[in-house]
Amino acid sequence: MTSRNKFSVMACVFLLAIVQIIFQKEIHSQDTKLVLHSIDGKASFRGMSVVNDSVIWISGSKGTICKSTNGAKSFECIKVAEHDSSDFRSIYAFDENSALICKIGSPGKILKTTNGGRTWKEVYSNDDKQVFIDGIDFWNKKEGICFGDPINGKLMLIETKDGGETWHQLPPQSRPLLVEGESAFAASGTTIRCFDSGKVMIATGGDITRLLISKDKGGTWNSKLPPLIHGAPSTGIFSFDFFGNENGIAVGGDYKADSMSVDNIYITRDGGSSWLKPAQPTRGYRECVTMITEKFAVAVGPSGIDISKDGGITWKPFSDEKKFHVVRKSRIGNKIFLAGPGDKVGEIIIH
């Protein structure tokens, strides 16, 4: 073999090696996968609270609560005593021992455990026929807020200042008046979000869909109008999330036409004052969205799981796994978990 030929072969091998390295790096950078963990819940789960990368609580139908203390490697599931038919669609956990669960429908109830779920005590009850608790969240270990559908035209709003031991209704002037046909959804417990410095946001839907915003822990409110589909009881915002003060995503649609991708998702870059339609939306109605970073977001719904890597501008199918209702990132840590079906919990792993 001549020196020129040897040089040519070596050059080709070198170039192939470089191409392979670049290709492997590209694959590695895009190596996001879904791992499924088995559970024995025998229920439909819509509530999830991920305390850290190890402690995960989920709540759902048939009075069922499940908890993991090892990052979803295993779950312990229990049925809350005297609540076999209750649907606990919202949950907030403080640690592996203490958590609060909210029952939908009338009577509306909040229960608390301090021994890891072995026993629960009732800390709030409302027998009004209009009551329907939609979500709960906390600013810190003591101060929290819970909301529900309107009672006599005004949003149900209760607060706690002792970690959920006692609850008090906010005064009438601090409870927003909703228009006729406006309510909220408890599809994933994520139509309420508490943020730093006493800020809280609540999403409504139905005949009108709004984002209600308070900067003083529910004392006073103003509203924004994301242009998601509305006008019927099955339409509106079903979930929203923000990363920082300005970048947010609102998802929803019409759960009775769950494959429709018209006005089912919008993004904001100015805290909700204006909204942008994505260049490529999700595959239809979405029940929950979570912003992992300013760019990376996950949305779940009946047709599967979608992800965005550009802050919600474009969405791509990630998995066709169905029946996931809620996705949450750990409050302390980086893990991402999904719940919904009674036999599995999902985990999205990003390398």
Protein backbone atom coordinates (compact mmCIF):
# COMPACT_ATOMS: atom_id res chain seq x y z
CA MET A 1 0.00 0.00 0.00
CA THR A 2 1.38 3.37 -0.98
CA SER A 3 1.87 6.15 1.59
CA ARG A 4 -0.90 8.14 -0.08
CA ASN A 5 -3.34 5.22 0.25
CA LYS A 6 -2.33 4.68 3.88
CA PHE A 7 -2.98 8.37 4.58
CA SER A 8 -6.38 8.17 2.89
CA VAL A 9 -7.43 5.13 4.94
CA MET A 10 -6.24 6.74 8.17
CA ALA A 11 -8.09 9.93 7.31
CA CYS A 12 -11.30 8.00 6.64
CA VAL A 13 -10.99 6.09 9.91
CA PHE A 14 -10.36 9.34 11.79
CA LEU A 15 -13.36 11.02 10.19
CA LEU A 16 -15.59 8.04 10.95
CA ALA A 17 -14.44 8.12 14.57
CA ILE A 18 -15.23 11.83 14.83
CA VAL A 19 -18.67 11.31 13.29
CA GLN A 20 -19.35 8.43 15.69
CA ILE A 21 -18.32 10.51 18.71
CA ILE A 22 -20.57 13.40 17.59
CA PHE A 23 -23.44 10.98 16.95
CA GLN A 24 -23.02 9.32 20.35
CA LYS A 25 -22.97 12.71 22.08
CA GLU A 26 -26.12 13.75 20.24
CA ILE A 27 -27.90 10.53 21.16
CA HIS A 28 -26.75 10.90 24.74
CA SER A 29 -27.98 14.48 24.93
CA GLN A 30 -31.39 13.34 23.73
CA ASP A 31 -31.50 10.20 25.87
CA THR A 32 -34.69 10.88 27.80
CA LYS A 33 -36.55 7.74 28.75
CA LEU A 34 -39.66 6.60 30.60
CA VAL A 35 -39.29 3.97 33.32
CA LEU A 36 -42.39 2.27 34.71
CA HIS A 37 -42.56 1.19 38.36
CA SER A 38 -45.16 -1.34 39.49
CA ILE A 39 -47.66 -0.57 42.25
CA ASP A 40 -50.71 -2.38 43.59
CA GLY A 41 -53.05 0.56 43.95
CA LYS A 42 -56.21 -0.71 42.22
CA ALA A 43 -57.39 2.89 41.82
CA SER A 44 -57.14 5.92 39.55
CA PHE A 45 -54.61 8.45 40.83
CA ARG A 46 -54.78 12.20 40.19
CA GLY A 47 -53.04 13.61 43.25
CA MET A 48 -49.26 13.56 43.63
CA SER A 49 -46.79 15.22 45.98
CA VAL A 50 -43.07 14.58 45.50
CA VAL A 51 -41.23 15.80 48.59
CA ASN A 52 -37.76 14.84 47.35
CA ASP A 53 -36.14 12.27 45.10
CA SER A 54 -37.05 9.51 47.56
CA VAL A 55 -40.43 10.41 49.10
CA ILE A 56 -43.47 10.26 46.80
CA TRP A 57 -47.14 10.31 47.81
CA ILE A 58 -50.05 9.68 45.43
CA SER A 59 -53.79 9.86 46.10
CA GLY A 60 -56.86 8.78 44.19
CA SER A 61 -60.15 6.99 44.00
CA LYS A 62 -61.55 4.31 46.32
CA GLY A 63 -59.97 6.05 49.29
CA THR A 64 -56.51 4.92 48.17
CA ILE A 65 -53.20 6.49 49.15
CA CYS A 66 -49.79 5.13 48.13
CA LYS A 67 -46.35 6.16 49.34
CA SER A 68 -42.77 5.42 48.38
CA THR A 69 -39.70 6.25 50.45
CA ASN A 70 -37.15 4.84 48.01
CA GLY A 71 -37.69 6.80 44.80
CA ALA A 72 -40.56 4.66 43.43
CA LYS A 73 -38.70 1.34 43.69
CA SER A 74 -41.59 0.16 45.83
CA PHE A 75 -44.88 1.57 47.12
CA GLU A 76 -47.02 0.91 50.15
CA CYS A 77 -50.74 1.43 49.46
CA ILE A 78 -53.54 1.81 52.00
CA LYS A 79 -57.23 2.59 52.05
CA VAL A 80 -58.25 5.42 54.35
CA ALA A 81 -60.66 4.10 56.97
CA GLU A 82 -64.33 4.90 56.32
CA HIS A 83 -63.49 6.38 52.92
CA ASP A 84 -63.78 3.40 50.56
CA SER A 85 -65.72 5.46 48.01
CA SER A 86 -63.88 8.77 48.46
CA ASP A 87 -61.83 10.30 45.66
CA PHE A 88 -58.78 12.15 46.96
CA ARG A 89 -57.67 14.17 43.94
CA SER A 90 -55.32 16.55 45.75
CA ILE A 91 -52.51 15.83 48.19
CA TYR A 92 -49.73 17.82 49.81
CA ALA A 93 -46.97 15.98 51.68
CA PHE A 94 -44.49 17.61 54.05
CA ASP A 95 -42.26 14.59 54.52
CA GLU A 96 -42.50 10.80 54.73
CA ASN A 97 -44.74 11.02 57.81
CA SER A 98 -47.01 14.03 57.34
CA ALA A 99 -49.45 14.72 54.50
CA LEU A 100 -52.85 16.26 53.74
CA ILE A 101 -55.44 14.84 51.33
CA CYS A 102 -58.54 16.54 49.90
CA LYS A 103 -61.77 14.75 49.08
CA ILE A 104 -63.85 15.99 46.14
CA GLY A 105 -67.64 16.30 46.19
CA SER A 106 -69.94 17.01 49.10
CA PRO A 107 -69.15 16.82 51.90
CA GLY A 108 -65.75 18.23 51.12
CA LYS A 109 -63.08 17.07 53.53
CA ILE A 110 -59.39 17.49 54.30
CA LEU A 111 -57.62 14.74 56.26
CA LYS A 112 -54.17 14.75 57.80
CA THR A 113 -51.71 12.04 58.78
CA THR A 114 -48.60 12.43 60.92
CA ASN A 115 -47.63 8.77 61.09
CA GLY A 116 -46.92 7.94 57.48
CA GLY A 117 -50.52 7.24 56.49
CA ARG A 118 -51.38 4.61 59.09
CA THR A 119 -54.13 6.80 60.55
CA TRP A 120 -55.85 10.00 59.37
CA LYS A 121 -57.77 12.69 61.20
CA GLU A 122 -60.33 15.09 59.76
CA VAL A 123 -59.09 18.68 59.90
CA TYR A 124 -61.75 20.30 57.69
CA SER A 125 -65.29 19.48 56.58
CA ASN A 126 -67.84 21.37 54.51
CA ASP A 127 -71.35 19.99 54.01
CA ASP A 128 -72.49 22.60 51.48
CA LYS A 129 -74.00 20.85 48.46
CA GLN A 130 -71.98 23.10 46.13
CA VAL A 131 -68.59 22.26 47.61
CA PHE A 132 -65.99 20.64 45.34
CA ILE A 133 -62.33 20.94 46.38
CA ASP A 134 -60.01 21.39 43.40
CA GLY A 135 -56.53 21.83 44.83
CA ILE A 136 -54.17 22.59 47.71
CA ASP A 137 -50.68 24.06 47.99
CA PHE A 138 -48.33 25.58 50.56
CA TRP A 139 -45.85 28.45 50.74
CA ASN A 140 -43.99 26.85 53.63
CA LYS A 141 -44.49 24.19 56.29
CA LYS A 142 -47.09 26.28 58.11
CA GLU A 143 -48.93 28.48 55.62
CA GLY A 144 -51.11 26.97 52.92
CA ILE A 145 -54.24 27.55 50.87
CA CYS A 146 -56.95 25.34 49.43
CA PHE A 147 -59.62 26.21 46.87
CA GLY A 148 -62.71 24.81 45.26
CA ASP A 149 -65.62 25.52 42.94
CA PRO A 150 -67.73 28.61 43.70
CA ILE A 151 -70.21 28.54 46.57
CA ASN A 152 -72.98 31.09 46.07
CA GLY A 153 -70.97 32.65 43.26
CA LYS A 154 -67.67 33.11 45.11
CA LEU A 155 -64.59 30.95 44.93
CA MET A 156 -64.22 28.59 47.86
CA LEU A 157 -60.97 29.64 49.58
CA ILE A 158 -59.66 28.42 52.93
CA GLU A 159 -56.28 28.95 54.55
CA THR A 160 -54.14 27.41 57.25
CA LYS A 161 -51.34 28.90 59.31
CA ASP A 162 -50.47 25.83 61.36
CA GLY A 163 -49.51 23.20 58.80
CA GLY A 164 -53.06 22.13 58.04
CA GLU A 165 -54.18 21.43 61.61
CA THR A 166 -56.93 24.06 61.32
CA TRP A 167 -58.54 25.81 58.33
CA HIS A 168 -60.41 29.10 58.05
CA GLN A 169 -62.45 30.55 55.20
CA LEU A 170 -61.06 33.74 53.71
CA PRO A 171 -63.32 36.78 54.19
CA PRO A 172 -65.87 37.50 51.42
CA GLN A 173 -63.84 40.44 50.05
CA SER A 174 -60.87 38.07 49.50
CA ARG A 175 -62.84 35.47 47.58
CA PRO A 176 -63.09 36.28 43.84
CA LEU A 177 -66.56 36.49 42.34
CA LEU A 178 -66.84 34.05 39.44
CA VAL A 179 -69.14 34.53 36.47
CA GLU A 180 -72.00 32.12 35.91
CA GLY A 181 -70.64 28.93 34.37
CA GLU A 182 -67.08 29.51 35.63
CA SER A 183 -65.55 26.90 37.92
CA ALA A 184 -62.31 24.89 38.09
CA PHE A 185 -60.95 21.41 37.45
CA ALA A 186 -59.43 18.80 39.76
CA ALA A 187 -57.94 16.64 37.01
CA SER A 188 -54.45 16.69 38.52
CA GLY A 189 -54.54 19.03 41.50
CA THR A 190 -52.45 21.55 39.55
CA THR A 191 -54.87 24.42 39.00
CA ILE A 192 -53.34 26.06 42.07
CA ARG A 193 -49.67 26.93 42.58
CA CYS A 194 -48.00 28.78 45.45
CA PHE A 195 -44.82 30.74 44.74
CA ASP A 196 -42.29 32.73 46.73
CA SER A 197 -43.17 35.97 48.55
CA GLY A 198 -46.81 35.03 49.15
CA LYS A 199 -47.81 34.71 45.51
CA VAL A 200 -50.51 32.23 44.49
CA MET A 201 -52.22 31.51 41.17
CA ILE A 202 -55.47 29.68 40.48
CA ALA A 203 -56.85 28.63 37.09
CA THR A 204 -60.54 28.46 36.21
CA GLY A 205 -62.49 27.08 33.26
CA GLY A 206 -65.96 26.58 31.86
CA ASP A 207 -67.78 29.47 30.22
CA ILE A 208 -64.67 31.58 30.81
CA THR A 209 -61.11 30.56 31.62
CA ARG A 210 -58.96 32.80 33.79
CA LEU A 211 -55.74 32.86 35.75
CA LEU A 212 -56.43 34.46 39.13
CA ILE A 213 -53.34 35.96 40.77
CA SER A 214 -52.73 37.10 44.33
CA LYS A 215 -49.46 38.52 45.64
CA ASP A 216 -50.53 38.67 49.29
CA LYS A 217 -51.51 35.07 50.10
CA GLY A 218 -55.06 35.44 48.88
CA GLY A 219 -55.87 38.83 50.34
CA THR A 220 -56.46 40.57 47.00
CA TRP A 221 -56.72 39.26 43.46
CA ASN A 222 -56.39 40.28 39.82
CA SER A 223 -56.94 38.13 36.76
CA LYS A 224 -55.46 37.32 33.35
CA LEU A 225 -57.25 35.83 30.36
CA PRO A 226 -55.26 33.07 28.66
CA PRO A 227 -56.95 32.39 25.30
CA LEU A 228 -57.47 28.65 25.81
CA ILE A 229 -60.68 27.15 24.53
CA HIS A 230 -63.67 27.89 26.77
CA GLY A 231 -67.43 28.29 26.59
CA ALA A 232 -68.54 24.85 27.82
CA PRO A 233 -68.33 23.07 31.19
CA SER A 234 -65.74 20.65 29.76
CA THR A 235 -63.31 23.33 28.53
CA GLY A 236 -60.63 25.59 29.94
CA ILE A 237 -57.32 25.43 31.80
CA PHE A 238 -56.75 22.09 33.50
CA SER A 239 -53.19 22.77 34.61
CA PHE A 240 -50.48 25.41 34.50
CA ASP A 241 -46.94 25.94 35.70
CA PHE A 242 -44.31 28.65 35.81
CA PHE A 243 -40.53 28.58 35.89
CA GLY A 244 -39.55 31.86 37.48
CA ASN A 245 -41.89 34.83 37.44
CA GLU A 246 -42.27 35.29 33.69
CA ASN A 247 -42.15 31.95 31.83
CA GLY A 248 -45.31 29.89 32.07
CA ILE A 249 -47.41 27.27 30.30
CA ALA A 250 -51.16 26.67 30.55
CA VAL A 251 -52.70 23.46 29.21
CA GLY A 252 -56.17 22.00 28.95
CA GLY A 253 -58.67 21.87 26.13
CA ASP A 254 -61.93 19.98 26.05
CA TYR A 255 -61.99 16.65 27.87
CA LYS A 256 -65.02 15.61 25.83
CA ALA A 257 -62.99 16.08 22.62
CA ASP A 258 -59.62 14.99 23.95
CA SER A 259 -57.92 14.56 20.57
CA MET A 260 -58.55 18.16 19.52
CA SER A 261 -55.41 20.33 19.47
CA VAL A 262 -57.07 23.69 18.93
CA ASP A 263 -56.37 26.32 21.61
CA ASN A 264 -55.47 23.63 24.15
CA ILE A 265 -52.10 25.11 25.15
CA TYR A 266 -50.55 28.58 25.39
CA ILE A 267 -47.28 29.96 26.72
CA THR A 268 -46.40 33.28 28.33
CA ARG A 269 -43.10 35.11 28.65
CA ASP A 270 -44.35 38.03 30.76
CA GLY A 271 -46.08 36.45 33.72
CA GLY A 272 -49.43 36.00 32.01
CA SER A 273 -50.03 39.47 30.60
CA SER A 274 -49.81 38.11 27.05
CA TRP A 275 -49.97 34.60 25.63
CA LEU A 276 -48.44 32.86 22.60
CA LYS A 277 -49.72 29.87 20.68
CA PRO A 278 -47.07 27.12 20.29
CA ALA A 279 -45.71 26.42 16.83
CA GLN A 280 -46.44 22.72 17.51
CA PRO A 281 -49.02 21.96 20.24
CA THR A 282 -49.47 18.83 22.32
CA ARG A 283 -51.44 15.90 20.95
CA GLY A 284 -54.81 17.08 22.23
CA TYR A 285 -56.28 17.73 25.66
CA ARG A 286 -53.75 17.74 28.51
CA GLU A 287 -54.54 17.30 32.21
CA CYS A 288 -51.21 18.35 33.68
CA VAL A 289 -48.05 20.26 32.77
CA THR A 290 -44.82 20.69 34.70
CA MET A 291 -41.88 22.91 33.83
CA ILE A 292 -38.69 21.12 34.82
CA THR A 293 -36.42 23.94 33.65
CA GLU A 294 -36.98 27.14 31.73
CA LYS A 295 -36.78 25.07 28.53
CA PHE A 296 -37.81 21.51 29.42
CA ALA A 297 -41.48 20.75 30.12
CA VAL A 298 -43.69 17.67 30.31
CA ALA A 299 -47.44 17.41 29.65
CA VAL A 300 -49.71 14.38 30.11
CA GLY A 301 -53.17 13.48 28.88
CA PRO A 302 -55.34 10.68 27.51
CA SER A 303 -53.29 10.21 24.32
CA GLY A 304 -49.92 10.00 26.04
CA ILE A 305 -46.97 12.08 27.18
CA ASP A 306 -45.48 15.04 25.30
CA ILE A 307 -42.29 16.97 26.00
CA SER A 308 -40.94 20.36 25.00
CA LYS A 309 -37.27 21.36 25.01
CA ASP A 310 -37.78 25.00 24.03
CA GLY A 311 -40.02 26.34 26.76
CA GLY A 312 -43.29 25.14 25.23
CA ILE A 313 -42.89 26.52 21.71
CA THR A 314 -42.79 23.06 20.12
CA TRP A 315 -44.07 19.79 21.58
CA LYS A 316 -43.08 16.30 20.52
CA PRO A 317 -44.62 12.93 21.36
CA PHE A 318 -42.56 11.24 24.06
CA SER A 319 -44.63 8.18 24.93
CA ASP A 320 -47.97 6.63 24.02
CA GLU A 321 -48.44 5.38 27.60
CA LYS A 322 -52.00 6.31 28.47
CA LYS A 323 -53.99 7.02 31.65
CA PHE A 324 -51.34 9.20 33.29
CA HIS A 325 -53.13 12.17 34.86
CA VAL A 326 -50.41 14.00 36.77
CA VAL A 327 -46.68 14.72 36.46
CA ARG A 328 -44.57 16.31 39.18
CA LYS A 329 -40.94 17.18 39.80
CA SER A 330 -39.51 16.66 43.28
CA ARG A 331 -39.56 19.84 45.35
CA ILE A 332 -36.06 19.04 46.62
CA GLY A 333 -34.17 17.20 43.91
CA ASN A 334 -34.42 16.55 40.19
CA LYS A 335 -36.55 13.45 39.65
CA ILE A 336 -39.77 13.53 37.63
CA PHE A 337 -42.66 11.17 38.39
CA LEU A 338 -46.06 10.49 36.81
CA ALA A 339 -49.20 8.90 38.25
CA GLY A 340 -52.58 7.80 36.99
CA PRO A 341 -53.10 4.08 36.44
CA GLY A 342 -53.54 1.82 39.45
CA ASP A 343 -50.76 -0.53 38.45
CA LYS A 344 -47.82 1.75 37.65
CA VAL A 345 -46.00 4.99 38.38
CA GLY A 346 -43.86 6.53 35.68
CA GLU A 347 -40.45 8.14 36.00
CA ILE A 348 -38.86 10.30 33.34
CA ILE A 349 -35.08 10.01 33.37
CA ILE A 350 -32.99 12.64 31.61
CA HIS A 351 -29.34 11.82 31.00
